[in-house]
Amino acid sequence: MKILFTILILVSSLVLIASILLQSGKSAGLSGTIAGGAESIWGKNKGRTYEGILSKITSISAVIFIISALVLAALQ
C-alpha cells in the first residue's frame, strides 16, 4: 500500500512540475486585464484551449498529490 502511494506521489509531482512549467505567464499587465479579461473569463471554449487543459491537469495532479501525501502520512 505504501509503495502504491509513493509511486502515485512521484508521478503526480512530476506531472505537476511539468504542467506548471508549460503554462504561460500571466504578466499581461493592467491593459491586458481590462481589454482581454472578459473574453478569457467568459469565453465559451475556455476549457478546450491549451491553457485550460494545462490548468485542469495542474489542478487534478495537485489534488492527487495532496491526497496521496495525507494518506502516506496516515499510514506512517
PDB file of N, CA and C in Angstrom:
ATOM      1  N   MET A   1       0.820  -1.188   0.000  1.00  0.00           N
ATOM      2  CA  MET A   1       0.000   0.000   0.000  1.00  0.00           C
ATOM      3  C   MET A   1       0.869   1.260   0.000  1.00  0.00           C
ATOM      4  N   LYS A   2       1.933   1.226   0.801  1.00  0.00           N
ATOM      5  CA  LYS A   2       2.814   2.384   0.857  1.00  0.00           C
ATOM      6  C   LYS A   2       3.533   2.586  -0.472  1.00  0.00           C
ATOM      7  N   ILE A   3       3.865   1.493  -1.134  1.00  0.00           N
ATOM      8  CA  ILE A   3       4.556   1.595  -2.418  1.00  0.00           C
ATOM      9  C   ILE A   3       3.650   2.235  -3.461  1.00  0.00           C
ATOM     10  N   LEU A   4       2.360   1.869  -3.448  1.00  0.00           N
ATOM     11  CA  LEU A   4       1.406   2.442  -4.396  1.00  0.00           C
ATOM     12  C   LEU A   4       1.291   3.946  -4.222  1.00  0.00           C
ATOM     13  N   PHE A   5       1.161   4.400  -2.983  1.00  0.00           N
ATOM     14  CA  PHE A   5       1.026   5.836  -2.747  1.00  0.00           C
ATOM     15  C   PHE A   5       2.340   6.580  -2.970  1.00  0.00           C
ATOM     16  N   THR A   6       3.460   5.924  -2.761  1.00  0.00           N
ATOM     17  CA  THR A   6       4.748   6.544  -3.060  1.00  0.00           C
ATOM     18  C   THR A   6       4.907   6.752  -4.560  1.00  0.00           C
ATOM     19  N   ILE A   7       4.532   5.748  -5.343  1.00  0.00           N
ATOM     20  CA  ILE A   7       4.585   5.878  -6.800  1.00  0.00           C
ATOM     21  C   ILE A   7       3.598   6.947  -7.262  1.00  0.00           C
ATOM     22  N   LEU A   8       2.420   6.984  -6.648  1.00  0.00           N
ATOM     23  CA  LEU A   8       1.415   7.987  -7.006  1.00  0.00           C
ATOM     24  C   LEU A   8       1.906   9.400  -6.712  1.00  0.00           C
ATOM     25  N   ILE A   9       2.593   9.576  -5.592  1.00  0.00           N
ATOM     26  CA  ILE A   9       3.162  10.893  -5.258  1.00  0.00           C
ATOM     27  C   ILE A   9       4.252  11.264  -6.245  1.00  0.00           C
ATOM     28  N   LEU A  10       5.081  10.319  -6.609  1.00  0.00           N
ATOM     29  CA  LEU A  10       6.171  10.589  -7.540  1.00  0.00           C
ATOM     30  C   LEU A  10       5.637  11.003  -8.913  1.00  0.00           C
ATOM     31  N   VAL A  11       4.679  10.253  -9.428  1.00  0.00           N
ATOM     32  CA  VAL A  11       4.120  10.562 -10.747  1.00  0.00           C
ATOM     33  C   VAL A  11       3.358  11.884 -10.727  1.00  0.00           C
ATOM     34  N   SER A  12       2.541  12.094  -9.696  1.00  0.00           N
ATOM     35  CA  SER A  12       1.774  13.341  -9.637  1.00  0.00           C
ATOM     36  C   SER A  12       2.678  14.551  -9.460  1.00  0.00           C
ATOM     37  N   SER A  13       3.777  14.407  -8.746  1.00  0.00           N
ATOM     38  CA  SER A  13       4.691  15.547  -8.596  1.00  0.00           C
ATOM     39  C   SER A  13       5.386  15.872  -9.908  1.00  0.00           C
ATOM     40  N   LEU A  14       5.760  14.857 -10.676  1.00  0.00           N
ATOM     41  CA  LEU A  14       6.380  15.118 -11.974  1.00  0.00           C
ATOM     42  C   LEU A  14       5.401  15.759 -12.952  1.00  0.00           C
ATOM     43  N   VAL A  15       4.150  15.292 -12.946  1.00  0.00           N
ATOM     44  CA  VAL A  15       3.124  15.887 -13.806  1.00  0.00           C
ATOM     45  C   VAL A  15       2.842  17.318 -13.361  1.00  0.00           C
ATOM     46  N   LEU A  16       2.815  17.545 -12.064  1.00  0.00           N
ATOM     47  CA  LEU A  16       2.575  18.889 -11.533  1.00  0.00           C
ATOM     48  C   LEU A  16       3.695  19.848 -11.936  1.00  0.00           C
ATOM     49  N   ILE A  17       4.924  19.422 -11.827  1.00  0.00           N
ATOM     50  CA  ILE A  17       6.062  20.262 -12.215  1.00  0.00           C
ATOM     51  C   ILE A  17       6.011  20.576 -13.705  1.00  0.00           C
ATOM     52  N   ALA A  18       5.760  19.562 -14.526  1.00  0.00           N
ATOM     53  CA  ALA A  18       5.724  19.764 -15.980  1.00  0.00           C
ATOM     54  C   ALA A  18       4.580  20.684 -16.390  1.00  0.00           C
ATOM     55  N   SER A  19       3.413  20.480 -15.797  1.00  0.00           N
ATOM     56  CA  SER A  19       2.266  21.299 -16.196  1.00  0.00           C
ATOM     57  C   SER A  19       2.420  22.750 -15.750  1.00  0.00           C
ATOM     58  N   ILE A  20       3.057  22.983 -14.627  1.00  0.00           N
ATOM     59  CA  ILE A  20       3.295  24.359 -14.178  1.00  0.00           C
ATOM     60  C   ILE A  20       4.330  25.036 -15.066  1.00  0.00           C
ATOM     61  N   LEU A  21       5.370  24.303 -15.441  1.00  0.00           N
ATOM     62  CA  LEU A  21       6.394  24.906 -16.282  1.00  0.00           C
ATOM     63  C   LEU A  21       5.912  25.176 -17.698  1.00  0.00           C
ATOM     64  N   LEU A  22       4.936  24.427 -18.184  1.00  0.00           N
ATOM     65  CA  LEU A  22       4.426  24.622 -19.537  1.00  0.00           C
ATOM     66  C   LEU A  22       3.419  25.760 -19.637  1.00  0.00           C
ATOM     67  N   GLN A  23       2.882  26.199 -18.510  1.00  0.00           N
ATOM     68  CA  GLN A  23       1.889  27.276 -18.542  1.00  0.00           C
ATOM     69  C   GLN A  23       2.559  28.607 -18.853  1.00  0.00           C
ATOM     70  N   SER A  24       1.819  29.449 -19.568  1.00  0.00           N
ATOM     71  CA  SER A  24       2.364  30.763 -19.903  1.00  0.00           C
ATOM     72  C   SER A  24       2.194  31.707 -18.717  1.00  0.00           C
ATOM     73  N   GLY A  25       3.005  32.740 -18.697  1.00  0.00           N
ATOM     74  CA  GLY A  25       2.946  33.708 -17.617  1.00  0.00           C
ATOM     75  C   GLY A  25       1.709  34.579 -17.715  1.00  0.00           C
ATOM     76  N   LYS A  26       1.264  35.094 -16.597  1.00  0.00           N
ATOM     77  CA  LYS A  26       0.072  35.939 -16.558  1.00  0.00           C
ATOM     78  C   LYS A  26       0.462  37.404 -16.400  1.00  0.00           C
ATOM     79  N   SER A  27       1.551  37.818 -17.007  1.00  0.00           N
ATOM     80  CA  SER A  27       2.048  39.182 -16.824  1.00  0.00           C
ATOM     81  C   SER A  27       1.640  40.087 -17.983  1.00  0.00           C
ATOM     82  N   ALA A  28       0.371  40.094 -18.330  1.00  0.00           N
ATOM     83  CA  ALA A  28      -0.104  40.945 -19.412  1.00  0.00           C
ATOM     84  C   ALA A  28      -0.221  42.399 -18.959  1.00  0.00           C
ATOM     85  N   GLY A  29      -0.227  42.629 -17.682  1.00  0.00           N
ATOM     86  CA  GLY A  29      -0.329  43.984 -17.170  1.00  0.00           C
ATOM     87  C   GLY A  29      -1.776  44.416 -17.027  1.00  0.00           C
ATOM     88  N   LEU A  30      -1.966  45.656 -16.631  1.00  0.00           N
ATOM     89  CA  LEU A  30      -3.304  46.179 -16.385  1.00  0.00           C
ATOM     90  C   LEU A  30      -4.102  46.322 -17.670  1.00  0.00           C
ATOM     91  N   SER A  31      -3.458  46.707 -18.757  1.00  0.00           N
ATOM     92  CA  SER A  31      -4.188  46.883 -20.021  1.00  0.00           C
ATOM     93  C   SER A  31      -4.687  45.551 -20.556  1.00  0.00           C
ATOM     94  N   GLY A  32      -3.910  44.509 -20.412  1.00  0.00           N
ATOM     95  CA  GLY A  32      -4.354  43.188 -20.856  1.00  0.00           C
ATOM     96  C   GLY A  32      -5.489  42.654 -20.007  1.00  0.00           C
ATOM     97  N   THR A  33      -5.496  43.027 -18.743  1.00  0.00           N
ATOM     98  CA  THR A  33      -6.564  42.588 -17.855  1.00  0.00           C
ATOM     99  C   THR A  33      -7.881  43.266 -18.207  1.00  0.00           C
ATOM    100  N   ILE A  34      -7.821  44.557 -18.498  1.00  0.00           N
ATOM    101  CA  ILE A  34      -9.041  45.292 -18.813  1.00  0.00           C
ATOM    102  C   ILE A  34      -9.547  44.938 -20.203  1.00  0.00           C
ATOM    103  N   ALA A  35      -8.658  44.890 -21.172  1.00  0.00           N
ATOM    104  CA  ALA A  35      -9.089  44.692 -22.556  1.00  0.00           C
ATOM    105  C   ALA A  35      -9.482  43.251 -22.843  1.00  0.00           C
ATOM    106  N   GLY A  36      -8.661  42.298 -22.472  1.00  0.00           N
ATOM    107  CA  GLY A  36      -8.933  40.919 -22.858  1.00  0.00           C
ATOM    108  C   GLY A  36      -9.416  40.047 -21.734  1.00  0.00           C
ATOM    109  N   GLY A  37      -9.674  40.624 -20.588  1.00  0.00           N
ATOM    110  CA  GLY A  37     -10.091  39.826 -19.439  1.00  0.00           C
ATOM    111  C   GLY A  37     -11.448  39.199 -19.601  1.00  0.00           C
ATOM    112  N   ALA A  38     -12.377  39.931 -20.175  1.00  0.00           N
ATOM    113  CA  ALA A  38     -13.739  39.419 -20.321  1.00  0.00           C
ATOM    114  C   ALA A  38     -13.788  38.248 -21.290  1.00  0.00           C
ATOM    115  N   GLU A  39     -13.000  38.323 -22.349  1.00  0.00           N
ATOM    116  CA  GLU A  39     -13.002  37.232 -23.314  1.00  0.00           C
ATOM    117  C   GLU A  39     -12.414  35.967 -22.729  1.00  0.00           C
ATOM    118  N   SER A  40     -11.351  36.086 -21.964  1.00  0.00           N
ATOM    119  CA  SER A  40     -10.716  34.889 -21.432  1.00  0.00           C
ATOM    120  C   SER A  40     -11.521  34.287 -20.282  1.00  0.00           C
ATOM    121  N   ILE A  41     -12.227  35.111 -19.529  1.00  0.00           N
ATOM    122  CA  ILE A  41     -13.006  34.584 -18.408  1.00  0.00           C
ATOM    123  C   ILE A  41     -14.330  34.014 -18.883  1.00  0.00           C
ATOM    124  N   TRP A  42     -15.016  34.731 -19.758  1.00  0.00           N
ATOM    125  CA  TRP A  42     -16.356  34.318 -20.169  1.00  0.00           C
ATOM    126  C   TRP A  42     -16.379  33.626 -21.528  1.00  0.00           C
ATOM    127  N   GLY A  43     -15.220  33.242 -22.033  1.00  0.00           N
ATOM    128  CA  GLY A  43     -15.171  32.579 -23.334  1.00  0.00           C
ATOM    129  C   GLY A  43     -15.849  31.220 -23.294  1.00  0.00           C
ATOM    130  N   LYS A  44     -16.435  30.825 -24.417  1.00  0.00           N
ATOM    131  CA  LYS A  44     -17.177  29.562 -24.476  1.00  0.00           C
ATOM    132  C   LYS A  44     -16.265  28.351 -24.353  1.00  0.00           C
ATOM    133  N   ASN A  45     -15.155  28.375 -25.043  1.00  0.00           N
ATOM    134  CA  ASN A  45     -14.292  27.201 -25.127  1.00  0.00           C
ATOM    135  C   ASN A  45     -13.042  27.345 -24.276  1.00  0.00           C
ATOM    136  N   LYS A  46     -13.184  27.911 -23.097  1.00  0.00           N
ATOM    137  CA  LYS A  46     -12.010  28.119 -22.251  1.00  0.00           C
ATOM    138  C   LYS A  46     -11.397  26.793 -21.811  1.00  0.00           C
ATOM    139  N   GLY A  47     -12.227  25.795 -21.554  1.00  0.00           N
ATOM    140  CA  GLY A  47     -11.718  24.502 -21.110  1.00  0.00           C
ATOM    141  C   GLY A  47     -11.058  23.710 -22.211  1.00  0.00           C
ATOM    142  N   ARG A  48     -11.285  24.079 -23.462  1.00  0.00           N
ATOM    143  CA  ARG A  48     -10.725  23.334 -24.578  1.00  0.00           C
ATOM    144  C   ARG A  48      -9.433  23.944 -25.111  1.00  0.00           C
ATOM    145  N   THR A  49      -9.040  25.078 -24.573  1.00  0.00           N
ATOM    146  CA  THR A  49      -7.802  25.692 -25.026  1.00  0.00           C
ATOM    147  C   THR A  49      -6.617  25.014 -24.347  1.00  0.00           C
ATOM    148  N   TYR A  50      -5.437  25.327 -24.846  1.00  0.00           N
ATOM    149  CA  TYR A  50      -4.210  24.765 -24.306  1.00  0.00           C
ATOM    150  C   TYR A  50      -4.035  25.156 -22.836  1.00  0.00           C
ATOM    151  N   GLU A  51      -4.320  26.421 -22.535  1.00  0.00           N
ATOM    152  CA  GLU A  51      -4.178  26.889 -21.155  1.00  0.00           C
ATOM    153  C   GLU A  51      -5.218  26.244 -20.243  1.00  0.00           C
ATOM    154  N   GLY A  52      -6.424  26.045 -20.770  1.00  0.00           N
ATOM    155  CA  GLY A  52      -7.474  25.413 -19.977  1.00  0.00           C
ATOM    156  C   GLY A  52      -7.152  23.971 -19.636  1.00  0.00           C
ATOM    157  N   ILE A  53      -6.614  23.257 -20.610  1.00  0.00           N
ATOM    158  CA  ILE A  53      -6.238  21.857 -20.376  1.00  0.00           C
ATOM    159  C   ILE A  53      -5.100  21.777 -19.365  1.00  0.00           C
ATOM    160  N   LEU A  54      -4.105  22.652 -19.512  1.00  0.00           N
ATOM    161  CA  LEU A  54      -2.989  22.652 -18.553  1.00  0.00           C
ATOM    162  C   LEU A  54      -3.460  23.024 -17.155  1.00  0.00           C
ATOM    163  N   SER A  55      -4.419  23.915 -17.066  1.00  0.00           N
ATOM    164  CA  SER A  55      -4.960  24.300 -15.767  1.00  0.00           C
ATOM    165  C   SER A  55      -5.682  23.133 -15.102  1.00  0.00           C
ATOM    166  N   LYS A  56      -6.454  22.394 -15.896  1.00  0.00           N
ATOM    167  CA  LYS A  56      -7.144  21.217 -15.345  1.00  0.00           C
ATOM    168  C   LYS A  56      -6.154  20.145 -14.913  1.00  0.00           C
ATOM    169  N   ILE A  57      -5.132  19.902 -15.733  1.00  0.00           N
ATOM    170  CA  ILE A  57      -4.119  18.907 -15.384  1.00  0.00           C
ATOM    171  C   ILE A  57      -3.394  19.310 -14.102  1.00  0.00           C
ATOM    172  N   THR A  58      -3.091  20.600 -13.962  1.00  0.00           N
ATOM    173  CA  THR A  58      -2.420  21.090 -12.760  1.00  0.00           C
ATOM    174  C   THR A  58      -3.291  20.893 -11.528  1.00  0.00           C
ATOM    175  N   SER A  59      -4.574  21.220 -11.641  1.00  0.00           N
ATOM    176  CA  SER A  59      -5.486  21.072 -10.502  1.00  0.00           C
ATOM    177  C   SER A  59      -5.649  19.613 -10.104  1.00  0.00           C
ATOM    178  N   ILE A  60      -5.834  18.748 -11.080  1.00  0.00           N
ATOM    179  CA  ILE A  60      -6.039  17.327 -10.784  1.00  0.00           C
ATOM    180  C   ILE A  60      -4.791  16.715 -10.169  1.00  0.00           C
ATOM    181  N   SER A  61      -3.620  17.028 -10.710  1.00  0.00           N
ATOM    182  CA  SER A  61      -2.396  16.453 -10.152  1.00  0.00           C
ATOM    183  C   SER A  61      -2.096  17.012  -8.765  1.00  0.00           C
ATOM    184  N   ALA A  62      -2.472  18.264  -8.507  1.00  0.00           N
ATOM    185  CA  ALA A  62      -2.273  18.826  -7.171  1.00  0.00           C
ATOM    186  C   ALA A  62      -3.164  18.138  -6.148  1.00  0.00           C
ATOM    187  N   VAL A  63      -4.413  17.865  -6.525  1.00  0.00           N
ATOM    188  CA  VAL A  63      -5.323  17.162  -5.615  1.00  0.00           C
ATOM    189  C   VAL A  63      -4.827  15.744  -5.349  1.00  0.00           C
ATOM    190  N   ILE A  64      -4.383  15.055  -6.390  1.00  0.00           N
ATOM    191  CA  ILE A  64      -3.856  13.697  -6.218  1.00  0.00           C
ATOM    192  C   ILE A  64      -2.623  13.715  -5.325  1.00  0.00           C
ATOM    193  N   PHE A  65      -1.757  14.711  -5.520  1.00  0.00           N
ATOM    194  CA  PHE A  65      -0.549  14.822  -4.703  1.00  0.00           C
ATOM    195  C   PHE A  65      -0.886  15.041  -3.234  1.00  0.00           C
ATOM    196  N   ILE A  66      -1.826  15.942  -2.963  1.00  0.00           N
ATOM    197  CA  ILE A  66      -2.186  16.245  -1.575  1.00  0.00           C
ATOM    198  C   ILE A  66      -2.842  15.045  -0.902  1.00  0.00           C
ATOM    199  N   ILE A  67      -3.762  14.390  -1.605  1.00  0.00           N
ATOM    200  CA  ILE A  67      -4.441  13.227  -1.026  1.00  0.00           C
ATOM    201  C   ILE A  67      -3.453  12.101  -0.772  1.00  0.00           C
ATOM    202  N   SER A  68      -2.530  11.851  -1.724  1.00  0.00           N
ATOM    203  CA  SER A  68      -1.557  10.792  -1.518  1.00  0.00           C
ATOM    204  C   SER A  68      -0.612  11.112  -0.369  1.00  0.00           C
ATOM    205  N   ALA A  69      -0.228  12.377  -0.239  1.00  0.00           N
ATOM    206  CA  ALA A  69       0.662  12.752   0.866  1.00  0.00           C
ATOM    207  C   ALA A  69      -0.047  12.565   2.215  1.00  0.00           C
ATOM    208  N   LEU A  70      -1.327  12.915   2.270  1.00  0.00           N
ATOM    209  CA  LEU A  70      -2.065  12.732   3.532  1.00  0.00           C
ATOM    210  C   LEU A  70      -2.243  11.254   3.869  1.00  0.00           C
ATOM    211  N   VAL A  71      -2.531  10.448   2.861  1.00  0.00           N
ATOM    212  CA  VAL A  71      -2.691   9.006   3.101  1.00  0.00           C
ATOM    213  C   VAL A  71      -1.371   8.388   3.519  1.00  0.00           C
ATOM    214  N   LEU A  72      -0.286   8.800   2.874  1.00  0.00           N
ATOM    215  CA  LEU A  72       1.028   8.255   3.228  1.00  0.00           C
ATOM    216  C   LEU A  72       1.418   8.671   4.644  1.00  0.00           C
ATOM    217  N   ALA A  73       1.079   9.893   5.035  1.00  0.00           N
ATOM    218  CA  ALA A  73       1.374  10.336   6.401  1.00  0.00           C
ATOM    219  C   ALA A  73       0.518   9.566   7.412  1.00  0.00           C
ATOM    220  N   ALA A  74      -0.714   9.232   7.041  1.00  0.00           N
ATOM    221  CA  ALA A  74      -1.570   8.465   7.949  1.00  0.00           C
ATOM    222  C   ALA A  74      -1.089   7.026   8.075  1.00  0.00           C
ATOM    223  N   LEU A  75      -0.531   6.471   7.009  1.00  0.00           N
ATOM    224  CA  LEU A  75      -0.011   5.099   7.049  1.00  0.00           C
ATOM    225  C   LEU A  75       1.282   5.009   7.835  1.00  0.00           C
ATOM    226  N   GLN A  76       1.980   6.119   7.970  1.00  0.00           N
ATOM    227  CA  GLN A  76       3.256   6.153   8.678  1.00  0.00           C
ATOM    228  C   GLN A  76       2.997   5.878  10.105  1.00  0.00           C
TER     229      GLN A  76
END
